[in-house]
């Protein structure tokens, strides 16, 4: 991050500074009387961010699951139990 800007500089170029923050995504620090504040771009939350992780979920290409050998999981005894 670049050196903090003075409030006088920010006042003179506020729109340019905000545009630069929005274009680059880099925050800008402003210093006044030894204290610092930042102008930081807010990124919209992705719908995927609210998903809950589920243990035991398959992650990957569905085609890999289709072509797996399931013969060990599927037996005659299981077929009869499911039909009843």
C-alpha atoms as a PDB file:
ATOM      1  CA  UNK A   1       0.000   0.000   0.000  1.00  0.00           C
ATOM      2  CA  UNK A   2       1.234   3.475  -0.854  1.00  0.00           C
ATOM      3  CA  UNK A   3       2.047   6.118   1.733  1.00  0.00           C
ATOM      4  CA  UNK A   4      -1.000   7.662   3.431  1.00  0.00           C
ATOM      5  CA  UNK A   5      -2.476  10.730   1.743  1.00  0.00           C
ATOM      6  CA  UNK A   6      -3.084  13.954   3.576  1.00  0.00           C
ATOM      7  CA  UNK A   7      -6.643  15.136   4.018  1.00  0.00           C
ATOM      8  CA  UNK A   8      -5.805  18.223   1.915  1.00  0.00           C
ATOM      9  CA  UNK A   9      -4.766  15.988  -0.995  1.00  0.00           C
ATOM     10  CA  UNK A  10      -7.924  13.883  -0.619  1.00  0.00           C
ATOM     11  CA  UNK A  11     -10.114  16.978  -0.523  1.00  0.00           C
ATOM     12  CA  UNK A  12      -8.570  18.242  -3.763  1.00  0.00           C
ATOM     13  CA  UNK A  13      -8.755  14.913  -5.651  1.00  0.00           C
ATOM     14  CA  UNK A  14     -11.535  12.959  -3.943  1.00  0.00           C
ATOM     15  CA  UNK A  15     -13.266  11.777  -7.112  1.00  0.00           C
ATOM     16  CA  UNK A  16     -10.011  10.700  -8.764  1.00  0.00           C
ATOM     17  CA  UNK A  17      -8.937   8.827  -5.632  1.00  0.00           C
ATOM     18  CA  UNK A  18     -12.265   7.015  -5.299  1.00  0.00           C
ATOM     19  CA  UNK A  19     -12.233   6.116  -9.013  1.00  0.00           C
ATOM     20  CA  UNK A  20      -8.702   4.721  -8.653  1.00  0.00           C
ATOM     21  CA  UNK A  21      -9.735   2.614  -5.641  1.00  0.00           C
ATOM     22  CA  UNK A  22     -12.707   1.223  -7.551  1.00  0.00           C
ATOM     23  CA  UNK A  23     -10.642   0.466 -10.676  1.00  0.00           C
ATOM     24  CA  UNK A  24      -7.641  -1.124  -8.975  1.00  0.00           C
ATOM     25  CA  UNK A  25      -9.268  -2.589  -5.876  1.00  0.00           C
ATOM     26  CA  UNK A  26      -6.375  -1.237  -3.799  1.00  0.00           C
ATOM     27  CA  UNK A  27      -7.362   0.638  -0.625  1.00  0.00           C
ATOM     28  CA  UNK A  28      -6.074   4.164   0.038  1.00  0.00           C
ATOM     29  CA  UNK A  29      -5.034   5.350   3.488  1.00  0.00           C
ATOM     30  CA  UNK A  30      -5.748   8.881   4.642  1.00  0.00           C
ATOM     31  CA  UNK A  31      -3.935  10.364   7.611  1.00  0.00           C
ATOM     32  CA  UNK A  32      -5.142  13.211   9.795  1.00  0.00           C
ATOM     33  CA  UNK A  33      -3.517  14.233  13.069  1.00  0.00           C
ATOM     34  CA  UNK A  34      -1.657  10.945  13.313  1.00  0.00           C
ATOM     35  CA  UNK A  35      -4.759   8.788  12.840  1.00  0.00           C
ATOM     36  CA  UNK A  36      -5.437   6.770   9.704  1.00  0.00           C
ATOM     37  CA  UNK A  37      -8.597   5.789   7.862  1.00  0.00           C
ATOM     38  CA  UNK A  38      -8.989   3.787   4.670  1.00  0.00           C
ATOM     39  CA  UNK A  39     -11.097   4.008   1.563  1.00  0.00           C
ATOM     40  CA  UNK A  40     -11.702   0.368   0.689  1.00  0.00           C
ATOM     41  CA  UNK A  41     -13.812  -1.023  -2.172  1.00  0.00           C
ATOM     42  CA  UNK A  42     -16.722  -3.158  -1.020  1.00  0.00           C
ATOM     43  CA  UNK A  43     -17.123  -6.294  -3.067  1.00  0.00           C
ATOM     44  CA  UNK A  44     -20.649  -7.621  -3.443  1.00  0.00           C
ATOM     45  CA  UNK A  45     -21.172 -10.902  -1.654  1.00  0.00           C
ATOM     46  CA  UNK A  46     -21.359 -13.911  -3.909  1.00  0.00           C
ATOM     47  CA  UNK A  47     -24.366 -16.190  -3.591  1.00  0.00           C
ATOM     48  CA  UNK A  48     -21.871 -19.029  -3.217  1.00  0.00           C
ATOM     49  CA  UNK A  49     -20.448 -17.435  -0.041  1.00  0.00           C
ATOM     50  CA  UNK A  50     -23.634 -18.299   1.863  1.00  0.00           C
ATOM     51  CA  UNK A  51     -23.445 -22.025   1.053  1.00  0.00           C
ATOM     52  CA  UNK A  52     -22.856 -24.324   4.014  1.00  0.00           C
ATOM     53  CA  UNK A  53     -20.168 -26.998   3.718  1.00  0.00           C
ATOM     54  CA  UNK A  54     -21.664 -30.477   3.870  1.00  0.00           C
ATOM     55  CA  UNK A  55     -19.418 -33.342   4.989  1.00  0.00           C
ATOM     56  CA  UNK A  56     -19.457 -36.377   2.749  1.00  0.00           C
ATOM     57  CA  UNK A  57     -20.414 -34.474  -0.389  1.00  0.00           C
ATOM     58  CA  UNK A  58     -18.874 -35.496  -3.667  1.00  0.00           C
ATOM     59  CA  UNK A  59     -16.846 -32.767  -5.304  1.00  0.00           C
ATOM     60  CA  UNK A  60     -15.689 -33.181  -8.853  1.00  0.00           C
ATOM     61  CA  UNK A  61     -16.809 -34.032 -12.324  1.00  0.00           C
ATOM     62  CA  UNK A  62     -20.172 -35.882 -12.425  1.00  0.00           C
ATOM     63  CA  UNK A  63     -18.899 -37.924 -15.365  1.00  0.00           C
ATOM     64  CA  UNK A  64     -16.323 -39.532 -13.047  1.00  0.00           C
ATOM     65  CA  UNK A  65     -19.120 -40.823 -10.802  1.00  0.00           C
ATOM     66  CA  UNK A  66     -21.093 -42.206 -13.746  1.00  0.00           C
ATOM     67  CA  UNK A  67     -18.127 -44.233 -14.957  1.00  0.00           C
ATOM     68  CA  UNK A  68     -17.142 -45.638 -11.532  1.00  0.00           C
ATOM     69  CA  UNK A  69     -17.359 -49.382 -10.889  1.00  0.00           C
ATOM     70  CA  UNK A  70     -20.345 -49.739  -8.539  1.00  0.00           C
ATOM     71  CA  UNK A  71     -20.440 -53.578  -8.653  1.00  0.00           C
ATOM     72  CA  UNK A  72     -19.154 -53.801  -5.070  1.00  0.00           C
ATOM     73  CA  UNK A  73     -22.023 -51.638  -3.853  1.00  0.00           C
ATOM     74  CA  UNK A  74     -24.791 -53.373  -5.792  1.00  0.00           C
ATOM     75  CA  UNK A  75     -25.481 -57.032  -4.984  1.00  0.00           C
ATOM     76  CA  UNK A  76     -28.415 -59.415  -5.473  1.00  0.00           C
ATOM     77  CA  UNK A  77     -29.273 -59.374  -1.754  1.00  0.00           C
ATOM     78  CA  UNK A  78     -29.629 -55.594  -1.832  1.00  0.00           C
ATOM     79  CA  UNK A  79     -31.780 -55.769  -4.948  1.00  0.00           C
ATOM     80  CA  UNK A  80     -34.248 -58.140  -3.213  1.00  0.00           C
ATOM     81  CA  UNK A  81     -34.427 -55.995  -0.052  1.00  0.00           C
ATOM     82  CA  UNK A  82     -35.224 -52.857  -2.015  1.00  0.00           C
ATOM     83  CA  UNK A  83     -38.021 -54.510  -4.035  1.00  0.00           C
ATOM     84  CA  UNK A  84     -39.980 -55.635  -0.933  1.00  0.00           C
END
